[in-house]
N, C-alpha and C. Protein backbone atom coordinates (compact mmCIF):
# COMPACT_ATOMS: atom_id res chain seq x y z
N MET A 1 -20.22 -26.68 -2.99
CA MET A 1 -20.35 -25.18 -2.55
C MET A 1 -20.71 -24.12 -1.28
N LYS A 2 -21.55 -24.94 -0.86
CA LYS A 2 -21.81 -24.64 0.42
C LYS A 2 -20.77 -24.50 1.36
N GLN A 3 -19.82 -25.63 1.52
CA GLN A 3 -18.63 -25.52 2.14
C GLN A 3 -17.42 -24.56 1.69
N PHE A 4 -17.36 -24.20 0.53
CA PHE A 4 -16.25 -23.25 -0.02
C PHE A 4 -17.05 -22.18 0.42
N LEU A 5 -18.26 -21.63 0.27
CA LEU A 5 -18.46 -20.38 0.68
C LEU A 5 -18.47 -20.16 2.25
N SER A 6 -18.51 -20.98 2.89
CA SER A 6 -18.63 -20.66 4.13
C SER A 6 -17.04 -20.62 4.75
N ARG A 7 -16.32 -20.90 3.81
CA ARG A 7 -14.78 -20.83 4.68
C ARG A 7 -14.18 -19.63 3.71
N LEU A 8 -14.73 -18.77 2.45
CA LEU A 8 -14.41 -18.04 1.94
C LEU A 8 -13.90 -16.41 2.83
N PRO A 9 -15.10 -15.99 3.64
CA PRO A 9 -14.70 -15.46 4.53
C PRO A 9 -13.37 -15.28 5.32
N LEU A 10 -13.38 -16.58 6.07
CA LEU A 10 -11.96 -16.83 6.72
C LEU A 10 -10.96 -16.31 5.85
N VAL A 11 -10.94 -17.14 4.99
CA VAL A 11 -9.24 -16.91 3.80
C VAL A 11 -9.86 -15.60 3.49
N VAL A 12 -10.62 -15.07 3.03
CA VAL A 12 -10.10 -13.55 2.79
C VAL A 12 -9.71 -12.64 4.02
N VAL A 13 -10.10 -12.89 5.72
CA VAL A 13 -9.51 -12.42 6.53
C VAL A 13 -8.61 -12.35 6.69
N LEU A 14 -8.06 -13.32 6.66
CA LEU A 14 -6.37 -13.95 6.86
C LEU A 14 -5.69 -13.40 5.71
N PHE A 15 -5.88 -13.12 4.63
CA PHE A 15 -5.28 -12.66 3.25
C PHE A 15 -5.07 -11.27 3.31
N ILE A 16 -6.45 -10.82 4.10
CA ILE A 16 -6.02 -8.86 4.47
C ILE A 16 -5.35 -8.84 5.49
N ALA A 17 -5.47 -9.81 6.82
CA ALA A 17 -4.64 -9.67 7.64
C ALA A 17 -2.91 -9.57 7.50
N GLY A 18 -2.82 -10.90 6.81
CA GLY A 18 -1.57 -10.81 6.07
C GLY A 18 -0.82 -9.34 5.59
N CYS A 19 -1.48 -8.95 4.47
CA CYS A 19 -1.34 -8.02 4.06
C CYS A 19 -1.08 -6.73 4.55
N ALA A 20 -1.73 -6.41 5.64
CA ALA A 20 -1.59 -5.36 6.56
C ALA A 20 -0.64 -5.19 7.15
N GLY A 21 0.12 -6.24 7.84
CA GLY A 21 1.60 -6.18 8.28
C GLY A 21 2.58 -5.75 7.24
N HIS A 22 2.08 -5.92 6.29
CA HIS A 22 3.16 -5.14 5.19
C HIS A 22 3.11 -4.16 4.48
N SER A 23 2.11 -3.46 4.89
CA SER A 23 1.84 -1.87 4.21
C SER A 23 3.05 -1.09 3.61
N THR A 24 3.97 -0.93 4.56
CA THR A 24 4.80 0.01 4.42
C THR A 24 5.88 -0.45 3.00
N GLN A 25 5.77 -2.02 3.06
CA GLN A 25 6.54 -2.94 2.05
C GLN A 25 5.72 -2.55 0.78
N ARG A 26 4.51 -2.75 0.82
CA ARG A 26 3.58 -2.40 -0.23
C ARG A 26 3.72 -0.90 -0.88
N THR A 27 3.65 -0.12 0.22
CA THR A 27 3.81 1.60 0.03
C THR A 27 4.88 1.55 -1.16
N GLU A 28 6.39 1.21 -0.45
CA GLU A 28 7.70 0.98 -1.20
C GLU A 28 7.62 0.15 -2.47
N ASP A 29 7.13 -0.45 -2.57
CA ASP A 29 6.83 -1.34 -3.79
C ASP A 29 6.07 -0.51 -4.81
N LEU A 30 5.20 0.30 -4.71
CA LEU A 30 4.29 1.05 -5.39
C LEU A 30 5.31 2.46 -5.80
N LEU A 31 5.94 2.72 -4.92
CA LEU A 31 6.84 4.02 -5.15
C LEU A 31 8.10 3.21 -6.10
N SER A 32 8.66 2.47 -6.18
CA SER A 32 9.33 1.89 -7.13
C SER A 32 8.56 1.73 -8.25
N ALA A 33 7.28 0.64 -8.23
CA ALA A 33 6.93 0.97 -9.73
C ALA A 33 6.46 2.05 -10.19
N ALA A 34 6.22 3.07 -9.33
CA ALA A 34 5.79 4.66 -9.91
C ALA A 34 7.34 5.23 -10.95
N GLY A 35 7.92 4.61 -10.17
CA GLY A 35 9.17 5.48 -10.59
C GLY A 35 10.04 6.32 -9.95
N PHE A 36 10.08 6.12 -8.50
CA PHE A 36 10.39 6.71 -7.81
C PHE A 36 12.17 6.22 -7.49
N ASN A 37 12.94 7.04 -7.37
CA ASN A 37 14.60 6.42 -7.07
C ASN A 37 14.73 6.12 -5.98
N VAL A 38 15.60 5.48 -5.44
CA VAL A 38 15.98 4.89 -4.04
C VAL A 38 17.49 5.59 -3.94
N VAL A 39 17.39 6.67 -2.80
CA VAL A 39 18.35 7.15 -2.14
C VAL A 39 18.85 6.55 -1.17
N ILE A 40 20.30 5.91 -1.11
CA ILE A 40 20.31 5.57 0.18
C ILE A 40 21.04 6.53 0.71
N ALA A 41 20.91 6.40 2.32
CA ALA A 41 21.63 7.17 3.22
C ALA A 41 22.83 6.50 3.81
N ASN A 42 23.78 6.73 2.82
CA ASN A 42 25.03 6.23 3.10
C ASN A 42 26.44 7.01 3.68
N THR A 43 26.00 8.43 4.06
CA THR A 43 26.80 9.10 4.56
C THR A 43 26.55 9.54 5.75
N PRO A 44 27.43 10.04 6.82
CA PRO A 44 26.71 10.61 8.30
C PRO A 44 25.86 11.69 7.95
N GLN A 45 26.24 12.63 6.97
CA GLN A 45 25.31 13.82 6.70
C GLN A 45 24.08 13.21 6.49
N ARG A 46 24.15 12.50 5.28
CA ARG A 46 22.40 11.90 4.93
C ARG A 46 21.74 11.25 6.05
N LEU A 47 22.67 10.32 6.90
CA LEU A 47 21.69 9.66 7.85
C LEU A 47 21.24 10.52 8.92
N GLN A 48 22.03 11.84 9.10
CA GLN A 48 21.57 12.47 10.27
C GLN A 48 20.50 13.72 9.54
N HIS A 49 20.65 14.02 8.32
CA HIS A 49 19.06 14.44 7.66
C HIS A 49 18.00 13.66 7.54
N LEU A 50 18.28 12.25 7.31
CA LEU A 50 17.07 11.30 7.06
C LEU A 50 16.21 11.20 8.51
N ALA A 51 16.80 11.01 9.64
CA ALA A 51 16.58 11.38 11.08
C ALA A 51 15.59 12.70 11.06
N THR A 52 15.70 13.73 10.60
CA THR A 52 14.77 14.85 10.87
C THR A 52 13.65 14.72 9.81
N LEU A 53 13.62 13.62 8.86
CA LEU A 53 12.46 13.81 8.45
C LEU A 53 11.28 12.70 8.81
N SER A 54 9.98 13.20 8.73
CA SER A 54 8.84 12.81 8.76
C SER A 54 9.02 11.16 8.05
N PRO A 55 8.96 10.06 8.83
CA PRO A 55 8.88 8.75 8.62
C PRO A 55 7.94 8.06 7.77
N TYR A 56 7.90 7.61 6.79
CA TYR A 56 6.74 7.09 6.38
C TYR A 56 5.86 7.73 5.84
N LYS A 57 6.19 8.94 5.29
CA LYS A 57 5.00 10.50 4.84
C LYS A 57 5.83 10.56 3.65
N MET A 58 4.56 10.71 2.83
CA MET A 58 5.19 11.54 1.21
C MET A 58 5.24 13.40 1.81
N VAL A 59 6.42 13.68 1.45
CA VAL A 59 6.50 15.39 1.50
C VAL A 59 6.76 15.93 0.27
N ARG A 60 6.53 16.93 -0.34
CA ARG A 60 6.78 17.81 -1.36
C ARG A 60 7.45 18.99 -1.27
N ILE A 61 8.92 18.96 -1.94
CA ILE A 61 10.02 19.51 -1.52
C ILE A 61 10.30 20.39 -2.80
N GLN A 62 11.01 21.93 -2.90
CA GLN A 62 11.24 22.56 -4.28
C GLN A 62 13.03 22.29 -4.00
N ARG A 63 13.42 21.78 -4.72
CA ARG A 63 15.17 21.29 -5.16
C ARG A 63 15.20 21.57 -6.57
N ASN A 64 16.60 22.82 -6.50
CA ASN A 64 17.15 22.97 -8.01
C ASN A 64 15.89 23.19 -8.88
N GLY A 65 15.12 24.07 -8.36
CA GLY A 65 13.97 24.88 -8.95
C GLY A 65 12.70 23.69 -9.76
N LYS A 66 12.80 22.63 -8.87
CA LYS A 66 11.68 21.67 -9.46
C LYS A 66 11.38 21.03 -7.70
N GLU A 67 9.85 20.77 -8.85
CA GLU A 67 9.26 19.97 -7.34
C GLU A 67 9.79 18.74 -6.96
N ARG A 68 9.59 18.38 -6.09
CA ARG A 68 9.79 16.62 -5.90
C ARG A 68 9.26 16.37 -4.92
N TYR A 69 9.18 14.83 -4.76
CA TYR A 69 8.11 14.27 -3.79
C TYR A 69 9.08 13.30 -3.10
N VAL A 70 9.38 13.14 -1.56
CA VAL A 70 10.43 12.47 -0.86
C VAL A 70 9.39 11.38 -0.14
N TYR A 71 9.61 10.26 0.26
CA TYR A 71 9.31 9.62 1.13
C TYR A 71 10.40 8.98 1.82
N ALA A 72 10.65 8.90 3.08
CA ALA A 72 11.83 8.44 4.10
C ALA A 72 11.35 7.18 4.78
N ASP A 73 12.21 6.27 4.24
CA ASP A 73 12.35 4.97 5.28
C ASP A 73 13.50 5.01 6.17
N PRO A 74 13.34 5.28 7.11
CA PRO A 74 14.64 5.44 8.28
C PRO A 74 14.85 4.11 8.59
N ALA A 75 13.88 3.01 8.44
CA ALA A 75 14.57 1.23 8.77
C ALA A 75 15.30 0.98 7.73
N GLN A 76 14.98 1.07 6.79
CA GLN A 76 16.02 0.77 5.49
C GLN A 76 16.97 1.74 5.32
N LYS A 77 16.90 3.23 5.74
CA LYS A 77 17.58 3.91 5.32
C LYS A 77 17.89 4.22 4.16
N VAL A 78 16.76 4.55 3.62
CA VAL A 78 16.69 5.37 2.26
C VAL A 78 15.86 6.27 2.30
N ILE A 79 15.61 6.90 1.08
CA ILE A 79 14.19 8.05 0.73
C ILE A 79 13.77 7.62 -0.65
N TYR A 80 12.94 7.82 -1.27
CA TYR A 80 12.35 7.68 -2.23
C TYR A 80 11.84 8.97 -2.72
N VAL A 81 12.74 9.29 -3.98
CA VAL A 81 12.73 10.54 -4.82
C VAL A 81 11.94 10.45 -6.06
N GLY A 82 11.13 11.04 -6.32
CA GLY A 82 10.32 11.11 -7.34
C GLY A 82 9.61 12.93 -7.87
N GLY A 83 9.65 12.83 -9.08
CA GLY A 83 9.25 13.83 -9.95
C GLY A 83 7.48 14.17 -10.00
N ASP A 84 6.88 14.87 -10.42
CA ASP A 84 5.28 14.90 -10.68
C ASP A 84 4.82 14.12 -11.40
N PHE A 85 5.36 12.99 -12.74
CA PHE A 85 4.83 12.21 -13.31
C PHE A 85 4.78 10.78 -12.28
N ALA A 86 6.19 10.78 -11.41
CA ALA A 86 6.27 9.15 -10.53
C ALA A 86 4.92 9.89 -9.62
N TYR A 87 4.96 11.31 -9.15
CA TYR A 87 3.96 10.97 -7.92
C TYR A 87 2.82 10.89 -8.39
N SER A 88 2.39 10.90 -9.88
CA SER A 88 0.82 10.85 -10.21
C SER A 88 0.51 9.52 -10.35
N ARG A 89 1.51 8.76 -10.87
CA ARG A 89 1.52 7.14 -11.50
C ARG A 89 1.44 6.61 -9.64
N TYR A 90 2.36 6.79 -8.77
CA TYR A 90 2.29 6.28 -7.76
C TYR A 90 0.53 6.53 -6.82
N ARG A 91 0.26 7.69 -7.18
CA ARG A 91 -1.36 7.85 -6.67
C ARG A 91 -2.26 7.11 -7.34
N ASP A 92 -2.13 6.95 -8.78
CA ASP A 92 -2.87 5.99 -9.66
C ASP A 92 -2.56 4.55 -9.18
N LEU A 93 -1.21 4.30 -8.86
CA LEU A 93 -1.42 2.71 -8.59
C LEU A 93 -1.86 2.35 -7.28
N ARG A 94 -1.67 3.50 -6.29
CA ARG A 94 -2.26 3.12 -4.88
C ARG A 94 -4.03 3.10 -5.03
N LEU A 95 -4.22 4.04 -5.99
CA LEU A 95 -6.09 3.84 -6.01
C LEU A 95 -6.47 2.60 -6.45
N SER A 96 -5.70 2.38 -7.61
CA SER A 96 -6.06 1.07 -7.89
C SER A 96 -5.89 -0.39 -7.04
N LYS A 97 -4.95 -0.23 -6.16
CA LYS A 97 -4.27 -1.28 -5.25
C LYS A 97 -5.58 -1.08 -4.29
N ASN A 98 -5.98 -0.10 -3.76
CA ASN A 98 -7.21 0.10 -2.76
C ASN A 98 -8.59 -0.15 -3.26
N LEU A 99 -8.94 -0.04 -4.33
CA LEU A 99 -9.94 -0.38 -5.29
C LEU A 99 -9.69 -2.09 -5.19
N ALA A 100 -8.77 -2.78 -5.31
CA ALA A 100 -8.38 -4.16 -5.57
C ALA A 100 -8.97 -4.97 -3.92
N GLU A 101 -8.25 -3.92 -3.00
CA GLU A 101 -8.55 -4.28 -1.75
C GLU A 101 -10.01 -4.14 -1.24
N GLN A 102 -10.76 -3.10 -1.67
CA GLN A 102 -12.08 -2.98 -1.61
C GLN A 102 -12.90 -4.25 -2.09
N ASP A 103 -12.52 -4.33 -3.29
CA ASP A 103 -13.14 -5.67 -3.99
C ASP A 103 -13.21 -7.05 -3.30
N ILE A 104 -11.77 -7.07 -2.46
CA ILE A 104 -11.88 -8.23 -1.64
C ILE A 104 -12.87 -8.35 -0.44
N GLN A 105 -13.03 -6.70 0.01
CA GLN A 105 -13.82 -7.21 0.98
C GLN A 105 -15.06 -6.90 0.82
N ASP A 106 -15.55 -6.71 -0.30
CA ASP A 106 -16.93 -6.76 -0.60
C ASP A 106 -17.09 -8.48 -1.19
N ALA A 107 -16.42 -8.81 -1.83
CA ALA A 107 -16.22 -10.40 -1.65
C ALA A 107 -16.64 -11.38 -0.40
N GLU A 108 -16.14 -10.76 0.35
CA GLU A 108 -16.09 -11.59 1.96
C GLU A 108 -17.78 -10.77 2.53
N PHE A 109 -17.92 -9.66 2.25
CA PHE A 109 -19.17 -9.42 2.79
C PHE A 109 -20.19 -9.96 1.82
N ASN A 110 -19.93 -10.09 0.83
CA ASN A 110 -20.97 -11.00 -0.38
C ASN A 110 -21.13 -12.46 0.22
N ALA A 111 -20.07 -13.09 0.73
CA ALA A 111 -20.09 -14.46 0.98
C ALA A 111 -20.76 -14.71 1.92
N GLU A 112 -20.55 -13.72 3.13
CA GLU A 112 -21.31 -14.00 4.46
C GLU A 112 -22.62 -13.57 4.29
N ARG A 113 -23.02 -12.79 3.43
CA ARG A 113 -24.71 -12.40 3.18
C ARG A 113 -25.03 -13.78 2.42
N ALA A 114 -24.58 -14.40 1.64
CA ALA A 114 -25.16 -15.47 0.80
C ALA A 114 -25.03 -16.87 1.90
N ALA A 115 -24.32 -16.97 2.63
CA ALA A 115 -24.52 -18.05 3.68
C ALA A 115 -25.82 -18.12 4.91
N GLU A 116 -26.30 -16.44 5.02
CA GLU A 116 -27.61 -16.28 5.79
C GLU A 116 -28.59 -16.53 5.14
N TRP A 117 -28.61 -16.95 3.43
CA TRP A 117 -29.91 -17.41 3.02
C TRP A 117 -30.06 -18.54 2.84
N ASP A 118 -29.00 -19.25 3.54
CA ASP A 118 -29.20 -20.99 3.26
C ASP A 118 -30.57 -21.52 4.19
N VAL A 119 -30.79 -20.64 5.38
CA VAL A 119 -31.79 -20.83 6.17
C VAL A 119 -33.30 -21.15 5.16
N TRP A 120 -33.29 -20.73 3.67
CA TRP A 120 -34.19 -20.61 3.29
C TRP A 120 -34.40 -21.80 2.40
N GLY A 121 -33.26 -22.59 2.31
CA GLY A 121 -33.40 -23.43 1.71
C GLY A 121 -33.31 -23.23 -0.17
N PRO A 122 -33.22 -24.41 -1.02
CA PRO A 122 -32.95 -23.91 -2.60
C PRO A 122 -34.45 -23.14 -2.97
N PHE A 123 -34.23 -22.12 -3.79
CA PHE A 123 -35.23 -21.30 -4.09
C PHE A 123 -34.67 -20.61 -5.54
């Protein structure tokens, strides 16, 4: 058990580090799961307009009298477009994902703290 707990912080740190490199992909996965539509920049006009958008940032726009949320991914040459419901769902998914990551960080901290108590022996 001690050996497992002593290795747990390393495993958790490696897991978190691995996930950090994929934050854009995770965002796009959450957007898709929330119901955002993927629109491909497949014309010269779309590509030109895509270049003017803030990359990897959520932007609220008005289009045809409706509020829309747009997330641009210039590397993939797409935008993600959703309405109020999709945006609300995206925020909820992102919050639950952040809470799960916080739980992992708490587990790492608790494992480190548990290892410090080994100097006291069993009690």
